[in-house]
Amino acid sequence: MTDPAAKGEEGIKITHHVQGQGGTYVAHLPGEDLTGYLEWEPENGNDDVRIATHTVVPKPIGGRGVAAHLVRRLVADAQRKGFKIVPRCSYVAAKFDENPEWSDLRAERSSE
């Protein structure tokens, strides 16, 4: 699903693709074939809590804020749709630590 309002600085466009019970946010940059992505899965099959598992940005498109855009889109969706986030990915966890205003969206880490 593409959100037309999901374009960020530098023309970065974020799309969200539901896959099975989880999903992937994909960052598209103008003029680039490579994309960055953030993957999530529901906690114990419950879509009210989403576990951010991986954030990957290939080096050739790194340094442009792609990963930060992906996390902001996940957070915006959580605010709009009312789900919580378990930041298992270290990058997502760091962004939550940098943005205390997101604390109400952070779910306790699930037991593994």
N, C-alpha and C. Protein backbone atom coordinates (compact mmCIF):
# COMPACT_ATOMS: atom_id res chain seq x y z
N MET A 1 0.85 -1.17 0.00
CA MET A 1 0.00 0.00 0.00
C MET A 1 0.90 1.23 0.00
N THR A 2 0.63 2.16 -0.85
CA THR A 2 1.40 3.38 -0.93
C THR A 2 0.60 4.52 -0.33
N ASP A 3 1.22 5.26 0.55
CA ASP A 3 0.60 6.42 1.16
C ASP A 3 1.19 7.64 0.47
N PRO A 4 0.35 8.38 -0.29
CA PRO A 4 0.90 9.54 -1.02
C PRO A 4 1.54 10.56 -0.09
N ALA A 5 1.15 10.59 1.18
CA ALA A 5 1.73 11.54 2.12
C ALA A 5 3.04 11.03 2.70
N ALA A 6 3.48 9.86 2.25
CA ALA A 6 4.66 9.24 2.84
C ALA A 6 5.97 9.69 2.21
N LYS A 7 5.93 10.70 1.35
CA LYS A 7 7.17 11.21 0.77
C LYS A 7 7.87 12.08 1.79
N GLY A 8 9.15 11.86 1.94
CA GLY A 8 9.92 12.63 2.90
C GLY A 8 10.87 13.57 2.21
N GLU A 9 11.84 14.08 2.99
CA GLU A 9 12.87 14.91 2.42
C GLU A 9 13.58 14.14 1.34
N GLU A 10 14.19 14.85 0.43
CA GLU A 10 14.95 14.26 -0.67
C GLU A 10 14.11 13.33 -1.54
N GLY A 11 12.78 13.45 -1.48
CA GLY A 11 11.92 12.64 -2.34
C GLY A 11 11.84 11.18 -1.93
N ILE A 12 12.27 10.83 -0.73
CA ILE A 12 12.17 9.44 -0.29
C ILE A 12 10.69 9.09 -0.14
N LYS A 13 10.30 8.00 -0.77
CA LYS A 13 8.91 7.54 -0.71
C LYS A 13 8.89 6.21 0.02
N ILE A 14 8.02 6.10 1.02
CA ILE A 14 7.91 4.88 1.80
C ILE A 14 6.61 4.16 1.42
N THR A 15 6.72 2.88 1.09
CA THR A 15 5.54 2.06 0.84
C THR A 15 5.49 0.97 1.90
N HIS A 16 4.29 0.49 2.17
CA HIS A 16 4.10 -0.58 3.16
C HIS A 16 3.48 -1.78 2.47
N HIS A 17 4.08 -2.93 2.68
CA HIS A 17 3.63 -4.16 2.05
C HIS A 17 3.37 -5.20 3.13
N VAL A 18 2.11 -5.64 3.25
CA VAL A 18 1.78 -6.70 4.20
C VAL A 18 2.17 -8.02 3.56
N GLN A 19 2.89 -8.84 4.32
CA GLN A 19 3.36 -10.13 3.81
C GLN A 19 3.07 -11.18 4.87
N GLY A 20 2.17 -12.09 4.57
CA GLY A 20 1.79 -13.09 5.56
C GLY A 20 1.18 -12.38 6.75
N GLN A 21 1.69 -12.67 7.94
CA GLN A 21 1.18 -12.00 9.13
C GLN A 21 1.99 -10.75 9.47
N GLY A 22 3.09 -10.52 8.78
CA GLY A 22 3.93 -9.36 9.05
C GLY A 22 3.90 -8.38 7.90
N GLY A 23 4.98 -7.62 7.80
CA GLY A 23 5.03 -6.65 6.73
C GLY A 23 6.41 -6.02 6.60
N THR A 24 6.53 -5.23 5.55
CA THR A 24 7.78 -4.55 5.26
C THR A 24 7.48 -3.13 4.80
N TYR A 25 8.20 -2.18 5.38
CA TYR A 25 8.19 -0.80 4.89
C TYR A 25 9.40 -0.70 3.97
N VAL A 26 9.18 -0.16 2.77
CA VAL A 26 10.25 -0.07 1.78
C VAL A 26 10.46 1.40 1.41
N ALA A 27 11.73 1.83 1.43
CA ALA A 27 12.09 3.21 1.08
C ALA A 27 12.61 3.24 -0.35
N HIS A 28 11.98 4.07 -1.16
CA HIS A 28 12.35 4.25 -2.56
C HIS A 28 12.94 5.64 -2.72
N LEU A 29 14.14 5.71 -3.30
CA LEU A 29 14.78 7.00 -3.55
C LEU A 29 14.75 7.30 -5.04
N PRO A 30 14.50 8.55 -5.40
CA PRO A 30 14.48 8.91 -6.81
C PRO A 30 15.82 8.60 -7.48
N GLY A 31 15.75 7.96 -8.64
CA GLY A 31 16.95 7.68 -9.42
C GLY A 31 17.79 6.53 -8.90
N GLU A 32 17.29 5.78 -7.92
CA GLU A 32 18.04 4.66 -7.35
C GLU A 32 17.28 3.35 -7.55
N ASP A 33 18.00 2.31 -7.89
CA ASP A 33 17.39 0.99 -7.99
C ASP A 33 17.34 0.29 -6.64
N LEU A 34 18.29 0.60 -5.76
CA LEU A 34 18.34 -0.02 -4.44
C LEU A 34 17.28 0.59 -3.52
N THR A 35 16.80 -0.22 -2.59
CA THR A 35 15.83 0.25 -1.61
C THR A 35 16.28 -0.16 -0.21
N GLY A 36 15.83 0.58 0.77
CA GLY A 36 16.02 0.20 2.16
C GLY A 36 14.71 -0.35 2.67
N TYR A 37 14.76 -1.11 3.77
CA TYR A 37 13.52 -1.67 4.29
C TYR A 37 13.56 -1.87 5.80
N LEU A 38 12.37 -1.91 6.38
CA LEU A 38 12.17 -2.21 7.79
C LEU A 38 11.12 -3.31 7.84
N GLU A 39 11.47 -4.43 8.47
CA GLU A 39 10.53 -5.56 8.57
C GLU A 39 9.91 -5.61 9.95
N TRP A 40 8.66 -6.05 10.01
CA TRP A 40 7.99 -6.23 11.28
C TRP A 40 7.17 -7.51 11.23
N GLU A 41 6.87 -8.03 12.42
CA GLU A 41 6.01 -9.19 12.55
C GLU A 41 5.10 -8.96 13.76
N PRO A 42 3.91 -9.57 13.76
CA PRO A 42 3.03 -9.39 14.91
C PRO A 42 3.57 -10.18 16.10
N GLU A 43 3.34 -9.67 17.29
CA GLU A 43 3.76 -10.40 18.49
C GLU A 43 2.74 -11.50 18.76
N ASN A 44 3.19 -12.74 18.73
CA ASN A 44 2.33 -13.89 18.99
C ASN A 44 1.04 -13.85 18.18
N GLY A 45 1.14 -13.43 16.91
CA GLY A 45 -0.02 -13.38 16.03
C GLY A 45 -0.97 -12.23 16.30
N ASN A 46 -0.62 -11.32 17.20
CA ASN A 46 -1.47 -10.20 17.59
C ASN A 46 -1.01 -8.94 16.86
N ASP A 47 -1.81 -8.44 15.96
CA ASP A 47 -1.43 -7.26 15.18
C ASP A 47 -1.49 -5.96 16.00
N ASP A 48 -1.96 -6.03 17.25
CA ASP A 48 -1.98 -4.85 18.11
C ASP A 48 -0.59 -4.52 18.64
N VAL A 49 0.34 -5.47 18.51
CA VAL A 49 1.74 -5.25 18.89
C VAL A 49 2.60 -5.75 17.74
N ARG A 50 3.40 -4.86 17.18
CA ARG A 50 4.26 -5.21 16.05
C ARG A 50 5.72 -5.17 16.50
N ILE A 51 6.45 -6.23 16.18
CA ILE A 51 7.86 -6.31 16.53
C ILE A 51 8.68 -5.84 15.33
N ALA A 52 9.42 -4.76 15.50
CA ALA A 52 10.32 -4.27 14.45
C ALA A 52 11.57 -5.14 14.51
N THR A 53 11.75 -6.00 13.50
CA THR A 53 12.81 -7.01 13.56
C THR A 53 14.11 -6.61 12.87
N HIS A 54 14.01 -5.93 11.73
CA HIS A 54 15.22 -5.60 10.96
C HIS A 54 15.03 -4.27 10.23
N THR A 55 16.09 -3.50 10.18
CA THR A 55 16.14 -2.31 9.32
C THR A 55 17.42 -2.44 8.51
N VAL A 56 17.29 -2.40 7.19
CA VAL A 56 18.44 -2.60 6.30
C VAL A 56 18.47 -1.49 5.25
N VAL A 57 19.63 -0.84 5.15
CA VAL A 57 19.85 0.16 4.10
C VAL A 57 21.18 -0.17 3.43
N PRO A 58 21.15 -0.48 2.14
CA PRO A 58 22.41 -0.77 1.44
C PRO A 58 23.36 0.43 1.48
N LYS A 59 24.65 0.16 1.60
CA LYS A 59 25.65 1.23 1.70
C LYS A 59 25.55 2.29 0.61
N PRO A 60 25.32 1.91 -0.67
CA PRO A 60 25.27 2.94 -1.70
C PRO A 60 24.18 4.00 -1.50
N ILE A 61 23.15 3.69 -0.73
CA ILE A 61 22.11 4.69 -0.47
C ILE A 61 22.11 5.13 0.99
N GLY A 62 23.13 4.73 1.73
CA GLY A 62 23.25 5.10 3.13
C GLY A 62 23.61 6.57 3.32
N GLY A 63 23.47 7.04 4.53
CA GLY A 63 23.84 8.42 4.85
C GLY A 63 22.84 9.46 4.40
N ARG A 64 21.67 9.03 3.98
CA ARG A 64 20.65 9.98 3.50
C ARG A 64 19.41 10.00 4.39
N GLY A 65 19.49 9.36 5.53
CA GLY A 65 18.35 9.35 6.45
C GLY A 65 17.28 8.34 6.10
N VAL A 66 17.62 7.36 5.27
CA VAL A 66 16.63 6.38 4.82
C VAL A 66 16.08 5.59 6.01
N ALA A 67 16.94 5.07 6.86
CA ALA A 67 16.48 4.28 8.00
C ALA A 67 15.59 5.10 8.93
N ALA A 68 15.96 6.35 9.16
CA ALA A 68 15.15 7.21 10.02
C ALA A 68 13.76 7.43 9.42
N HIS A 69 13.68 7.59 8.10
CA HIS A 69 12.38 7.73 7.43
C HIS A 69 11.53 6.49 7.64
N LEU A 70 12.15 5.33 7.55
CA LEU A 70 11.42 4.07 7.73
C LEU A 70 10.84 3.98 9.14
N VAL A 71 11.64 4.33 10.14
CA VAL A 71 11.17 4.26 11.53
C VAL A 71 10.05 5.27 11.75
N ARG A 72 10.22 6.48 11.23
CA ARG A 72 9.17 7.50 11.40
C ARG A 72 7.85 7.05 10.77
N ARG A 73 7.92 6.35 9.64
CA ARG A 73 6.69 5.85 9.01
C ARG A 73 6.04 4.78 9.89
N LEU A 74 6.83 3.86 10.45
CA LEU A 74 6.30 2.86 11.36
C LEU A 74 5.62 3.53 12.55
N VAL A 75 6.27 4.51 13.14
CA VAL A 75 5.73 5.24 14.29
C VAL A 75 4.45 5.98 13.90
N ALA A 76 4.44 6.63 12.74
CA ALA A 76 3.24 7.35 12.29
C ALA A 76 2.07 6.38 12.12
N ASP A 77 2.34 5.20 11.57
CA ASP A 77 1.28 4.21 11.42
C ASP A 77 0.78 3.73 12.78
N ALA A 78 1.70 3.56 13.74
CA ALA A 78 1.30 3.15 15.09
C ALA A 78 0.41 4.21 15.73
N GLN A 79 0.75 5.47 15.54
CA GLN A 79 -0.06 6.55 16.10
C GLN A 79 -1.44 6.58 15.45
N ARG A 80 -1.49 6.38 14.15
CA ARG A 80 -2.75 6.45 13.41
C ARG A 80 -3.62 5.22 13.64
N LYS A 81 -2.99 4.03 13.71
CA LYS A 81 -3.76 2.78 13.78
C LYS A 81 -3.87 2.20 15.19
N GLY A 82 -3.11 2.74 16.14
CA GLY A 82 -3.26 2.34 17.53
C GLY A 82 -2.53 1.07 17.94
N PHE A 83 -1.47 0.69 17.24
CA PHE A 83 -0.71 -0.48 17.70
C PHE A 83 0.54 -0.03 18.44
N LYS A 84 1.12 -0.95 19.19
CA LYS A 84 2.37 -0.72 19.93
C LYS A 84 3.52 -1.37 19.17
N ILE A 85 4.75 -0.95 19.49
CA ILE A 85 5.94 -1.43 18.79
C ILE A 85 6.92 -2.01 19.80
N VAL A 86 7.42 -3.20 19.50
CA VAL A 86 8.54 -3.78 20.24
C VAL A 86 9.77 -3.54 19.36
N PRO A 87 10.68 -2.66 19.76
CA PRO A 87 11.85 -2.36 18.93
C PRO A 87 12.97 -3.39 19.11
N ARG A 88 12.80 -4.57 18.54
CA ARG A 88 13.84 -5.60 18.64
C ARG A 88 15.07 -5.23 17.81
N CYS A 89 14.86 -4.56 16.70
CA CYS A 89 15.96 -4.07 15.87
C CYS A 89 16.71 -2.99 16.66
N SER A 90 18.03 -3.09 16.71
CA SER A 90 18.82 -2.13 17.49
C SER A 90 18.67 -0.70 16.98
N TYR A 91 18.52 -0.51 15.68
CA TYR A 91 18.37 0.84 15.14
C TYR A 91 17.03 1.43 15.60
N VAL A 92 15.97 0.64 15.52
CA VAL A 92 14.66 1.14 15.95
C VAL A 92 14.69 1.44 17.45
N ALA A 93 15.33 0.58 18.24
CA ALA A 93 15.45 0.82 19.68
C ALA A 93 16.19 2.13 19.95
N ALA A 94 17.26 2.39 19.21
CA ALA A 94 18.01 3.63 19.38
C ALA A 94 17.14 4.84 19.06
N LYS A 95 16.34 4.75 18.01
CA LYS A 95 15.45 5.86 17.64
C LYS A 95 14.40 6.10 18.72
N PHE A 96 13.88 5.02 19.32
CA PHE A 96 12.94 5.19 20.43
C PHE A 96 13.62 5.88 21.61
N ASP A 97 14.87 5.51 21.89
CA ASP A 97 15.61 6.15 22.98
C ASP A 97 15.84 7.63 22.71
N GLU A 98 16.04 7.99 21.44
CA GLU A 98 16.27 9.39 21.05
C GLU A 98 14.99 10.21 21.04
N ASN A 99 13.84 9.54 21.01
CA ASN A 99 12.55 10.23 20.88
C ASN A 99 11.62 9.83 22.02
N PRO A 100 11.84 10.36 23.22
CA PRO A 100 11.02 9.97 24.37
C PRO A 100 9.52 10.22 24.16
N GLU A 101 9.18 11.11 23.25
CA GLU A 101 7.76 11.38 22.97
C GLU A 101 7.06 10.16 22.35
N TRP A 102 7.83 9.17 21.92
CA TRP A 102 7.25 7.93 21.38
C TRP A 102 7.02 6.87 22.46
N SER A 103 7.35 7.16 23.70
CA SER A 103 7.34 6.14 24.75
C SER A 103 5.99 5.45 24.91
N ASP A 104 4.90 6.17 24.65
CA ASP A 104 3.57 5.55 24.77
C ASP A 104 3.32 4.51 23.68
N LEU A 105 4.14 4.49 22.63
CA LEU A 105 3.99 3.52 21.54
C LEU A 105 4.89 2.29 21.73
N ARG A 106 5.76 2.36 22.71
CA ARG A 106 6.71 1.24 22.92
C ARG A 106 6.08 0.17 23.79
N ALA A 107 6.04 -1.03 23.25
CA ALA A 107 5.54 -2.18 24.01
C ALA A 107 6.73 -2.84 24.69
N GLU A 108 6.46 -3.51 25.77
CA GLU A 108 7.51 -4.27 26.43
C GLU A 108 7.99 -5.36 25.47
N ARG A 109 9.24 -5.67 25.54
CA ARG A 109 9.81 -6.70 24.68
C ARG A 109 9.16 -8.04 24.99
N SER A 110 8.77 -8.71 23.91
CA SER A 110 8.14 -10.02 24.08
C SER A 110 9.15 -11.05 24.54
N SER A 111 8.70 -12.06 25.23
CA SER A 111 9.59 -13.14 25.62
C SER A 111 9.83 -14.03 24.42
N GLU A 112 11.06 -14.47 24.28
CA GLU A 112 11.42 -15.23 23.07
C GLU A 112 11.75 -16.65 23.42
